[in-house]
């Protein structure tokens, strides 16, 4: 976890985010919904709900039984994916300078990844069933 608060912002600066602590994980999600939402894989760093403060014109949409997605209502920047079960966040890595210093640790829905895309490195790669099991979603 980060030892100090870290700040980020959307493209226009209307939304700011402060994370008191970030987990060590940075993930890339290749699910159909994330790719439609971001135009590519959704790359995120993770934080517990009680460690995140978002300020500004945040809009959200329930996108499944277990999660919602958020964006800046001023510029449309992707902000987060949030699990309903515990409120934890996958905060867009692009909100933070140098992706908050994280390295990619896992890829979700690798079986939905477009054939021509590849992330380098030795990290965990999970298919759809493994991803759902990882998050305890049935």
Protein backbone atom coordinates (compact mmCIF):
# COMPACT_ATOMS: atom_id res chain seq x y z
CA UNK A 1 0.00 0.00 0.00
CA UNK A 2 1.07 3.59 -0.53
CA UNK A 3 2.37 5.07 2.72
CA UNK A 4 0.87 8.50 2.12
CA UNK A 5 -2.20 10.02 0.47
CA UNK A 6 -2.04 10.27 -3.30
CA UNK A 7 -3.97 12.75 -5.42
CA UNK A 8 -5.26 12.48 -8.95
CA UNK A 9 -7.63 14.24 -11.30
CA UNK A 10 -9.69 13.80 -14.43
CA UNK A 11 -8.62 15.27 -17.77
CA UNK A 12 -10.23 18.69 -17.18
CA UNK A 13 -9.50 18.85 -13.44
CA UNK A 14 -13.15 19.22 -12.42
CA UNK A 15 -12.99 15.92 -10.49
CA UNK A 16 -10.22 15.29 -8.01
CA UNK A 17 -9.54 12.09 -6.16
CA UNK A 18 -7.60 11.55 -2.97
CA UNK A 19 -6.71 8.03 -1.93
CA UNK A 20 -5.44 7.73 1.63
CA UNK A 21 -3.91 4.37 0.69
CA UNK A 22 -3.77 2.38 -2.52
CA UNK A 23 -3.36 -1.36 -2.64
CA UNK A 24 -0.41 -2.91 -4.45
CA UNK A 25 -2.49 -4.22 -7.37
CA UNK A 26 -2.86 -2.66 -10.79
CA UNK A 27 -5.11 -4.53 -13.17
CA UNK A 28 -6.28 -4.43 -16.75
CA UNK A 29 -9.83 -5.60 -17.47
CA UNK A 30 -10.64 -6.84 -20.97
CA UNK A 31 -14.36 -7.56 -20.44
CA UNK A 32 -16.69 -6.41 -23.20
CA UNK A 33 -18.22 -3.74 -20.96
CA UNK A 34 -14.89 -2.19 -19.90
CA UNK A 35 -13.68 -2.08 -23.50
CA UNK A 36 -16.87 -0.32 -24.61
CA UNK A 37 -16.66 2.06 -21.64
CA UNK A 38 -13.01 3.07 -22.09
CA UNK A 39 -12.30 2.20 -25.72
CA UNK A 40 -9.59 -0.23 -24.57
CA UNK A 41 -8.78 -2.26 -21.47
CA UNK A 42 -9.70 -0.54 -18.20
CA UNK A 43 -6.44 -0.20 -16.26
CA UNK A 44 -6.97 0.51 -12.58
CA UNK A 45 -5.34 0.74 -9.17
CA UNK A 46 -7.29 -0.48 -6.18
CA UNK A 47 -8.45 1.09 -2.92
CA UNK A 48 -10.91 0.39 -0.13
CA UNK A 49 -14.02 2.58 -0.04
CA UNK A 50 -13.00 4.30 3.21
CA UNK A 51 -9.70 5.41 1.65
CA UNK A 52 -11.16 7.32 -1.32
CA UNK A 53 -12.54 10.86 -1.56
CA UNK A 54 -13.91 12.09 -4.89
CA UNK A 55 -14.78 15.75 -5.34
CA UNK A 56 -16.52 17.34 -8.31
CA UNK A 57 -19.17 16.42 -10.87
CA UNK A 58 -19.08 12.62 -10.59
CA UNK A 59 -21.78 10.64 -12.40
CA UNK A 60 -22.38 6.93 -11.87
CA UNK A 61 -24.26 4.14 -13.57
CA UNK A 62 -25.18 0.71 -12.21
CA UNK A 63 -23.72 -1.52 -14.89
CA UNK A 64 -24.25 -4.95 -13.34
CA UNK A 65 -25.71 -6.63 -10.28
CA UNK A 66 -22.37 -6.24 -8.52
CA UNK A 67 -20.80 -3.01 -9.74
CA UNK A 68 -21.17 0.58 -10.86
CA UNK A 69 -18.96 2.79 -12.99
CA UNK A 70 -18.18 6.47 -12.56
CA UNK A 71 -17.04 9.29 -14.83
CA UNK A 72 -16.53 13.05 -14.79
CA UNK A 73 -19.71 14.79 -15.92
CA UNK A 74 -17.68 17.73 -17.26
CA UNK A 75 -15.15 15.99 -19.53
CA UNK A 76 -16.26 12.35 -19.56
CA UNK A 77 -13.03 10.94 -18.12
CA UNK A 78 -13.31 7.40 -16.78
CA UNK A 79 -12.96 7.57 -13.00
CA UNK A 80 -13.72 4.23 -11.38
CA UNK A 81 -15.31 0.84 -11.21
CA UNK A 82 -16.82 0.17 -7.76
CA UNK A 83 -17.95 -3.15 -6.31
CA UNK A 84 -21.31 -2.95 -4.57
CA UNK A 85 -20.52 -5.75 -2.11
CA UNK A 86 -17.84 -3.82 -0.23
CA UNK A 87 -17.64 -0.44 -1.99
CA UNK A 88 -14.03 -1.01 -3.04
CA UNK A 89 -12.72 0.95 -6.00
CA UNK A 90 -10.79 0.21 -9.13
CA UNK A 91 -9.62 3.79 -9.77
CA UNK A 92 -8.53 4.61 -13.30
CA UNK A 93 -4.74 4.44 -13.29
CA UNK A 94 -4.69 7.44 -15.64
CA UNK A 95 -5.97 9.71 -12.87
CA UNK A 96 -2.56 9.51 -11.17
CA UNK A 97 0.91 10.54 -12.34
CA UNK A 98 2.85 7.49 -13.53
CA UNK A 99 -0.13 5.25 -12.66
CA UNK A 100 0.66 5.95 -8.99
CA UNK A 101 3.96 4.12 -9.46
CA UNK A 102 2.28 0.73 -9.85
CA UNK A 103 3.17 -2.11 -12.19
CA UNK A 104 0.59 -4.39 -13.80
CA UNK A 105 -0.17 -7.35 -11.50
CA UNK A 106 -3.16 -8.96 -13.22
CA UNK A 107 -5.42 -9.05 -16.22
CA UNK A 108 -9.12 -9.92 -15.99
CA UNK A 109 -11.29 -11.53 -18.67
CA UNK A 110 -8.26 -12.53 -20.70
CA UNK A 111 -10.56 -14.74 -22.78
CA UNK A 112 -12.35 -11.59 -24.03
CA UNK A 113 -9.14 -9.72 -24.92
CA UNK A 114 -8.83 -8.75 -28.58
CA UNK A 115 -6.33 -10.97 -30.38
CA UNK A 116 -3.96 -8.12 -31.29
CA UNK A 117 -3.59 -6.76 -27.74
CA UNK A 118 -0.86 -7.88 -25.36
CA UNK A 119 0.48 -6.56 -22.07
CA UNK A 120 4.10 -7.48 -21.40
CA UNK A 121 5.37 -8.92 -18.17
CA UNK A 122 4.91 -11.81 -15.83
CA UNK A 123 1.59 -11.29 -14.05
CA UNK A 124 -1.61 -13.18 -13.28
CA UNK A 125 -4.00 -13.62 -16.21
CA UNK A 126 -7.56 -14.73 -15.42
CA UNK A 127 -10.36 -15.81 -17.74
CA UNK A 128 -14.00 -14.83 -17.06
CA UNK A 129 -14.73 -17.68 -14.64
CA UNK A 130 -11.49 -17.10 -12.72
CA UNK A 131 -12.17 -13.34 -12.55
CA UNK A 132 -15.66 -13.83 -11.10
CA UNK A 133 -14.34 -16.35 -8.58
CA UNK A 134 -11.51 -13.97 -7.60
CA UNK A 135 -14.10 -11.31 -6.68
CA UNK A 136 -16.51 -13.80 -5.10
CA UNK A 137 -19.20 -13.18 -7.70
CA UNK A 138 -21.44 -16.02 -8.77
